[in-house]
Amino acid sequence: MTEAAARIDVWLWRARFFKTRSIAARFVDEGRVRITRAGAESRLDKASRPVRPGDSLVFALGGRVFAVRVEALGERRGPPAEARALYAALDA
């Protein structure tokens, strides 16, 4: 059984944190995203790493720190309302 997953760069782009997928990939390649899965925290170092619903992500972007939980993977890069349904903000 294959668990649903998406590349982290694709997910960040679909969730509209980045304007292009290549910018998202470069951001991840620089090691600027931390993921918590099943209680274990690690730093993502490749844009091809998978992200799954239930994972928590922490990253700083534009002077703000984002802590979000992945709720859905999405099928496309839709309008902002659709993108916001892909994640839930975690209180700091």
N, C-alpha and C. Protein backbone atom coordinates (compact mmCIF):
# COMPACT_ATOMS: atom_id res chain seq x y z
N MET A 1 0.84 -1.19 0.00
CA MET A 1 0.00 0.00 0.00
C MET A 1 0.88 1.25 0.00
N THR A 2 0.64 2.14 -0.92
CA THR A 2 1.42 3.35 -1.03
C THR A 2 0.67 4.49 -0.35
N GLU A 3 1.34 5.11 0.58
CA GLU A 3 0.73 6.24 1.27
C GLU A 3 0.82 7.48 0.39
N ALA A 4 -0.22 8.29 0.39
CA ALA A 4 -0.25 9.49 -0.44
C ALA A 4 0.84 10.46 0.01
N ALA A 5 1.57 10.99 -0.96
CA ALA A 5 2.64 11.93 -0.66
C ALA A 5 2.85 12.83 -1.87
N ALA A 6 3.47 13.99 -1.63
CA ALA A 6 3.82 14.91 -2.71
C ALA A 6 5.22 15.45 -2.43
N ARG A 7 5.90 15.85 -3.48
CA ARG A 7 7.20 16.50 -3.31
C ARG A 7 7.00 17.78 -2.51
N ILE A 8 7.96 18.08 -1.63
CA ILE A 8 7.83 19.28 -0.80
C ILE A 8 7.81 20.55 -1.63
N ASP A 9 8.60 20.62 -2.70
CA ASP A 9 8.59 21.84 -3.51
C ASP A 9 7.25 22.03 -4.22
N VAL A 10 6.66 20.94 -4.69
CA VAL A 10 5.35 21.02 -5.34
C VAL A 10 4.28 21.45 -4.34
N TRP A 11 4.33 20.88 -3.14
CA TRP A 11 3.33 21.21 -2.13
C TRP A 11 3.42 22.69 -1.72
N LEU A 12 4.64 23.18 -1.49
CA LEU A 12 4.81 24.59 -1.11
C LEU A 12 4.30 25.52 -2.21
N TRP A 13 4.50 25.13 -3.45
CA TRP A 13 4.02 25.93 -4.59
C TRP A 13 2.49 25.88 -4.67
N ARG A 14 1.92 24.68 -4.53
CA ARG A 14 0.45 24.54 -4.57
C ARG A 14 -0.21 25.30 -3.43
N ALA A 15 0.45 25.33 -2.27
CA ALA A 15 -0.11 26.03 -1.11
C ALA A 15 0.14 27.54 -1.19
N ARG A 16 0.75 27.97 -2.28
CA ARG A 16 0.97 29.38 -2.59
C ARG A 16 1.89 30.09 -1.62
N PHE A 17 2.87 29.36 -1.06
CA PHE A 17 3.90 30.02 -0.27
C PHE A 17 4.96 30.61 -1.20
N PHE A 18 5.07 30.04 -2.41
CA PHE A 18 6.05 30.51 -3.39
C PHE A 18 5.38 30.74 -4.74
N LYS A 19 5.90 31.72 -5.47
CA LYS A 19 5.32 32.08 -6.76
C LYS A 19 5.62 31.03 -7.83
N THR A 20 6.81 30.41 -7.76
CA THR A 20 7.17 29.39 -8.73
C THR A 20 7.70 28.15 -8.01
N ARG A 21 7.62 27.03 -8.67
CA ARG A 21 8.11 25.78 -8.10
C ARG A 21 9.63 25.81 -7.98
N SER A 22 10.32 26.45 -8.92
CA SER A 22 11.78 26.49 -8.86
C SER A 22 12.27 27.31 -7.66
N ILE A 23 11.55 28.37 -7.30
CA ILE A 23 11.92 29.15 -6.11
C ILE A 23 11.71 28.29 -4.87
N ALA A 24 10.61 27.55 -4.83
CA ALA A 24 10.34 26.65 -3.70
C ALA A 24 11.43 25.59 -3.59
N ALA A 25 11.85 25.02 -4.73
CA ALA A 25 12.88 23.99 -4.73
C ALA A 25 14.20 24.54 -4.21
N ARG A 26 14.57 25.74 -4.63
CA ARG A 26 15.82 26.35 -4.17
C ARG A 26 15.77 26.61 -2.67
N PHE A 27 14.61 27.07 -2.17
CA PHE A 27 14.41 27.33 -0.74
C PHE A 27 14.64 26.05 0.07
N VAL A 28 14.07 24.93 -0.40
CA VAL A 28 14.22 23.64 0.29
C VAL A 28 15.66 23.15 0.19
N ASP A 29 16.27 23.27 -0.98
CA ASP A 29 17.66 22.82 -1.17
C ASP A 29 18.63 23.55 -0.24
N GLU A 30 18.29 24.77 0.15
CA GLU A 30 19.13 25.54 1.08
C GLU A 30 18.95 25.08 2.52
N GLY A 31 18.07 24.10 2.76
CA GLY A 31 17.86 23.56 4.10
C GLY A 31 17.06 24.47 5.00
N ARG A 32 16.15 25.24 4.44
CA ARG A 32 15.42 26.24 5.22
C ARG A 32 14.04 25.76 5.68
N VAL A 33 13.74 24.47 5.52
CA VAL A 33 12.44 23.93 5.95
C VAL A 33 12.68 22.77 6.92
N ARG A 34 12.01 22.82 8.07
CA ARG A 34 12.06 21.72 9.03
C ARG A 34 10.73 20.98 8.99
N ILE A 35 10.80 19.66 9.11
CA ILE A 35 9.59 18.83 9.08
C ILE A 35 9.54 18.00 10.35
N THR A 36 8.33 17.82 10.88
CA THR A 36 8.12 16.92 12.01
C THR A 36 7.13 15.87 11.56
N ARG A 37 7.58 14.62 11.58
CA ARG A 37 6.73 13.50 11.16
C ARG A 37 6.86 12.43 12.24
N ALA A 38 5.73 12.00 12.78
CA ALA A 38 5.69 10.96 13.81
C ALA A 38 6.61 11.31 14.98
N GLY A 39 6.63 12.60 15.37
CA GLY A 39 7.41 13.04 16.52
C GLY A 39 8.88 13.26 16.26
N ALA A 40 9.38 12.94 15.08
CA ALA A 40 10.79 13.11 14.76
C ALA A 40 10.97 14.34 13.87
N GLU A 41 11.80 15.28 14.31
CA GLU A 41 12.03 16.50 13.54
C GLU A 41 13.31 16.38 12.74
N SER A 42 13.27 16.86 11.51
CA SER A 42 14.46 16.86 10.67
C SER A 42 14.39 18.03 9.71
N ARG A 43 15.52 18.33 9.11
CA ARG A 43 15.61 19.42 8.15
C ARG A 43 15.55 18.82 6.75
N LEU A 44 14.67 19.38 5.91
CA LEU A 44 14.57 18.90 4.53
C LEU A 44 15.72 19.49 3.73
N ASP A 45 16.39 18.65 2.95
CA ASP A 45 17.57 19.10 2.21
C ASP A 45 17.44 18.92 0.70
N LYS A 46 16.36 18.28 0.26
CA LYS A 46 16.15 18.06 -1.17
C LYS A 46 14.69 18.34 -1.51
N ALA A 47 14.49 18.98 -2.67
CA ALA A 47 13.14 19.34 -3.10
C ALA A 47 12.29 18.11 -3.39
N SER A 48 12.93 16.97 -3.60
CA SER A 48 12.18 15.76 -3.94
C SER A 48 11.67 15.01 -2.71
N ARG A 49 12.00 15.48 -1.52
CA ARG A 49 11.54 14.79 -0.30
C ARG A 49 10.02 14.82 -0.23
N PRO A 50 9.41 13.72 0.22
CA PRO A 50 7.94 13.69 0.28
C PRO A 50 7.38 14.36 1.52
N VAL A 51 6.19 14.91 1.36
CA VAL A 51 5.44 15.46 2.48
C VAL A 51 4.07 14.78 2.44
N ARG A 52 3.55 14.46 3.63
CA ARG A 52 2.29 13.73 3.72
C ARG A 52 1.32 14.47 4.64
N PRO A 53 0.03 14.25 4.47
CA PRO A 53 -0.93 14.85 5.42
C PRO A 53 -0.59 14.43 6.85
N GLY A 54 -0.62 15.40 7.76
CA GLY A 54 -0.27 15.15 9.15
C GLY A 54 1.12 15.64 9.50
N ASP A 55 1.99 15.85 8.49
CA ASP A 55 3.33 16.38 8.74
C ASP A 55 3.23 17.84 9.17
N SER A 56 4.16 18.27 10.02
CA SER A 56 4.24 19.67 10.42
C SER A 56 5.49 20.28 9.78
N LEU A 57 5.34 21.48 9.26
CA LEU A 57 6.46 22.17 8.62
C LEU A 57 6.70 23.50 9.33
N VAL A 58 7.97 23.88 9.46
CA VAL A 58 8.33 25.18 10.02
C VAL A 58 9.37 25.80 9.09
N PHE A 59 9.12 27.05 8.68
CA PHE A 59 10.08 27.76 7.84
C PHE A 59 9.86 29.26 7.98
N ALA A 60 10.92 30.02 7.73
CA ALA A 60 10.85 31.47 7.78
C ALA A 60 10.83 32.00 6.35
N LEU A 61 9.92 32.92 6.09
CA LEU A 61 9.76 33.45 4.74
C LEU A 61 9.31 34.90 4.83
N GLY A 62 10.05 35.80 4.21
CA GLY A 62 9.68 37.20 4.21
C GLY A 62 9.60 37.82 5.59
N GLY A 63 10.49 37.41 6.49
CA GLY A 63 10.51 37.97 7.83
C GLY A 63 9.47 37.39 8.77
N ARG A 64 8.72 36.40 8.31
CA ARG A 64 7.71 35.74 9.15
C ARG A 64 8.05 34.28 9.29
N VAL A 65 7.73 33.71 10.45
CA VAL A 65 7.92 32.27 10.67
C VAL A 65 6.58 31.59 10.49
N PHE A 66 6.56 30.59 9.63
CA PHE A 66 5.35 29.82 9.38
C PHE A 66 5.48 28.45 10.03
N ALA A 67 4.48 28.07 10.81
CA ALA A 67 4.39 26.73 11.38
C ALA A 67 3.03 26.19 10.94
N VAL A 68 3.05 25.22 10.05
CA VAL A 68 1.81 24.70 9.48
C VAL A 68 1.77 23.18 9.52
N ARG A 69 0.56 22.65 9.56
CA ARG A 69 0.35 21.20 9.46
C ARG A 69 -0.25 20.93 8.09
N VAL A 70 0.30 19.96 7.39
CA VAL A 70 -0.20 19.59 6.06
C VAL A 70 -1.53 18.87 6.24
N GLU A 71 -2.58 19.41 5.65
CA GLU A 71 -3.92 18.82 5.74
C GLU A 71 -4.28 18.03 4.50
N ALA A 72 -3.80 18.49 3.34
CA ALA A 72 -4.10 17.83 2.06
C ALA A 72 -2.95 18.10 1.10
N LEU A 73 -2.88 17.32 0.04
CA LEU A 73 -1.79 17.46 -0.93
C LEU A 73 -2.17 18.33 -2.12
N GLY A 74 -3.42 18.36 -2.47
CA GLY A 74 -3.87 19.17 -3.60
C GLY A 74 -3.57 18.48 -4.93
N GLU A 75 -4.34 18.83 -5.92
CA GLU A 75 -4.17 18.28 -7.27
C GLU A 75 -3.56 19.29 -8.21
N ARG A 76 -3.67 20.58 -7.85
CA ARG A 76 -3.21 21.64 -8.74
C ARG A 76 -2.90 22.87 -7.91
N ARG A 77 -2.39 23.91 -8.57
CA ARG A 77 -2.20 25.19 -7.90
C ARG A 77 -3.43 26.02 -8.17
N GLY A 78 -4.35 25.97 -7.25
CA GLY A 78 -5.63 26.63 -7.43
C GLY A 78 -5.65 28.03 -6.85
N PRO A 79 -6.84 28.60 -6.73
CA PRO A 79 -6.99 29.94 -6.16
C PRO A 79 -6.61 29.94 -4.67
N PRO A 80 -6.36 31.13 -4.11
CA PRO A 80 -5.92 31.22 -2.71
C PRO A 80 -6.80 30.46 -1.71
N ALA A 81 -8.11 30.49 -1.89
CA ALA A 81 -9.00 29.79 -0.96
C ALA A 81 -8.73 28.28 -0.99
N GLU A 82 -8.50 27.76 -2.18
CA GLU A 82 -8.19 26.33 -2.33
C GLU A 82 -6.82 26.02 -1.72
N ALA A 83 -5.87 26.92 -1.88
CA ALA A 83 -4.53 26.72 -1.34
C ALA A 83 -4.55 26.71 0.19
N ARG A 84 -5.36 27.58 0.80
CA ARG A 84 -5.43 27.63 2.27
C ARG A 84 -6.01 26.35 2.85
N ALA A 85 -6.76 25.60 2.07
CA ALA A 85 -7.33 24.33 2.55
C ALA A 85 -6.28 23.23 2.63
N LEU A 86 -5.09 23.47 2.08
CA LEU A 86 -4.04 22.46 2.09
C LEU A 86 -3.29 22.40 3.41
N TYR A 87 -3.44 23.44 4.26
CA TYR A 87 -2.69 23.47 5.51
C TYR A 87 -3.51 24.14 6.61
N ALA A 88 -3.06 23.88 7.84
CA ALA A 88 -3.64 24.54 9.01
C ALA A 88 -2.50 25.16 9.79
N ALA A 89 -2.66 26.42 10.19
CA ALA A 89 -1.61 27.10 10.95
C ALA A 89 -1.53 26.49 12.36
N LEU A 90 -0.30 26.32 12.83
CA LEU A 90 -0.07 25.83 14.19
C LEU A 90 0.26 27.02 15.06
N ASP A 91 -0.35 27.11 16.23
CA ASP A 91 -0.06 28.22 17.14
C ASP A 91 1.34 28.06 17.71
N ALA A 92 2.06 29.15 17.77
CA ALA A 92 3.46 29.10 18.23
C ALA A 92 3.54 28.87 19.72
